[in-house]
Amino acid sequence: MDIGQLVIGLAGMLLGAVCVVAALRARSPGSHA
């Protein structure tokens, strides 16, 4: 397995998780965004 593909995959998963957390925080009423 290519290390570049592994890094890109991990970065994609991390970016997805950050987007989900940001969306949940923005939706919550107690956010100070």
N, C-alpha and C. Protein backbone atom coordinates (compact mmCIF):
# COMPACT_ATOMS: atom_id res chain seq x y z
N MET A 1 0.85 -1.20 0.00
CA MET A 1 0.00 0.00 0.00
C MET A 1 0.88 1.24 0.00
N ASP A 2 0.50 2.21 -0.81
CA ASP A 2 1.30 3.43 -0.91
C ASP A 2 1.08 4.31 0.32
N ILE A 3 2.19 4.84 0.85
CA ILE A 3 2.08 5.68 2.05
C ILE A 3 1.35 6.98 1.73
N GLY A 4 1.45 7.46 0.51
CA GLY A 4 0.77 8.69 0.13
C GLY A 4 -0.74 8.53 0.19
N GLN A 5 -1.23 7.37 -0.31
CA GLN A 5 -2.67 7.12 -0.27
C GLN A 5 -3.14 6.99 1.17
N LEU A 6 -2.31 6.39 2.03
CA LEU A 6 -2.67 6.24 3.44
C LEU A 6 -2.79 7.60 4.11
N VAL A 7 -1.83 8.48 3.83
CA VAL A 7 -1.86 9.82 4.42
C VAL A 7 -3.08 10.60 3.93
N ILE A 8 -3.36 10.49 2.63
CA ILE A 8 -4.52 11.20 2.06
C ILE A 8 -5.82 10.67 2.67
N GLY A 9 -5.88 9.36 2.87
CA GLY A 9 -7.07 8.76 3.47
C GLY A 9 -7.28 9.24 4.89
N LEU A 10 -6.19 9.26 5.67
CA LEU A 10 -6.29 9.71 7.06
C LEU A 10 -6.67 11.19 7.11
N ALA A 11 -6.09 11.99 6.23
CA ALA A 11 -6.41 13.42 6.19
C ALA A 11 -7.88 13.63 5.83
N GLY A 12 -8.38 12.82 4.91
CA GLY A 12 -9.79 12.93 4.50
C GLY A 12 -10.72 12.59 5.66
N MET A 13 -10.38 11.52 6.39
CA MET A 13 -11.20 11.13 7.53
C MET A 13 -11.18 12.21 8.61
N LEU A 14 -9.99 12.77 8.85
CA LEU A 14 -9.86 13.82 9.86
C LEU A 14 -10.66 15.05 9.45
N LEU A 15 -10.57 15.42 8.18
CA LEU A 15 -11.31 16.59 7.69
C LEU A 15 -12.81 16.35 7.81
N GLY A 16 -13.24 15.14 7.50
CA GLY A 16 -14.66 14.80 7.62
C GLY A 16 -15.14 14.91 9.05
N ALA A 17 -14.31 14.41 9.99
CA ALA A 17 -14.68 14.46 11.41
C ALA A 17 -14.77 15.91 11.88
N VAL A 18 -13.83 16.74 11.43
CA VAL A 18 -13.84 18.16 11.82
C VAL A 18 -15.10 18.84 11.29
N CYS A 19 -15.47 18.51 10.05
CA CYS A 19 -16.68 19.11 9.46
C CYS A 19 -17.92 18.70 10.24
N VAL A 20 -17.99 17.42 10.65
CA VAL A 20 -19.15 16.93 11.40
C VAL A 20 -19.23 17.63 12.75
N VAL A 21 -18.09 17.74 13.44
CA VAL A 21 -18.07 18.39 14.75
C VAL A 21 -18.47 19.86 14.61
N ALA A 22 -17.97 20.52 13.57
CA ALA A 22 -18.30 21.93 13.36
C ALA A 22 -19.80 22.09 13.10
N ALA A 23 -20.38 21.17 12.32
CA ALA A 23 -21.81 21.25 12.02
C ALA A 23 -22.63 21.03 13.29
N LEU A 24 -22.23 20.06 14.11
CA LEU A 24 -22.96 19.79 15.35
C LEU A 24 -22.85 20.99 16.29
N ARG A 25 -21.68 21.59 16.36
CA ARG A 25 -21.50 22.76 17.24
C ARG A 25 -22.34 23.93 16.76
N ALA A 26 -22.39 24.14 15.45
CA ALA A 26 -23.15 25.26 14.91
C ALA A 26 -24.65 25.03 15.13
N ARG A 27 -25.07 23.75 15.14
CA ARG A 27 -26.49 23.45 15.30
C ARG A 27 -26.91 23.56 16.77
N SER A 28 -25.98 23.32 17.68
CA SER A 28 -26.32 23.36 19.11
C SER A 28 -26.62 24.79 19.55
N PRO A 29 -27.61 24.99 20.45
CA PRO A 29 -28.03 26.34 20.86
C PRO A 29 -27.00 27.03 21.74
N GLY A 30 -26.10 26.27 22.37
CA GLY A 30 -25.14 26.88 23.29
C GLY A 30 -23.81 27.17 22.63
N SER A 31 -23.83 27.50 21.35
CA SER A 31 -22.57 27.76 20.64
C SER A 31 -22.28 29.26 20.64
N HIS A 32 -20.98 29.59 20.73
CA HIS A 32 -20.58 31.00 20.71
C HIS A 32 -19.80 31.28 19.44
N ALA A 33 -20.19 30.66 18.33
CA ALA A 33 -19.48 30.82 17.06
C ALA A 33 -19.71 32.24 16.53
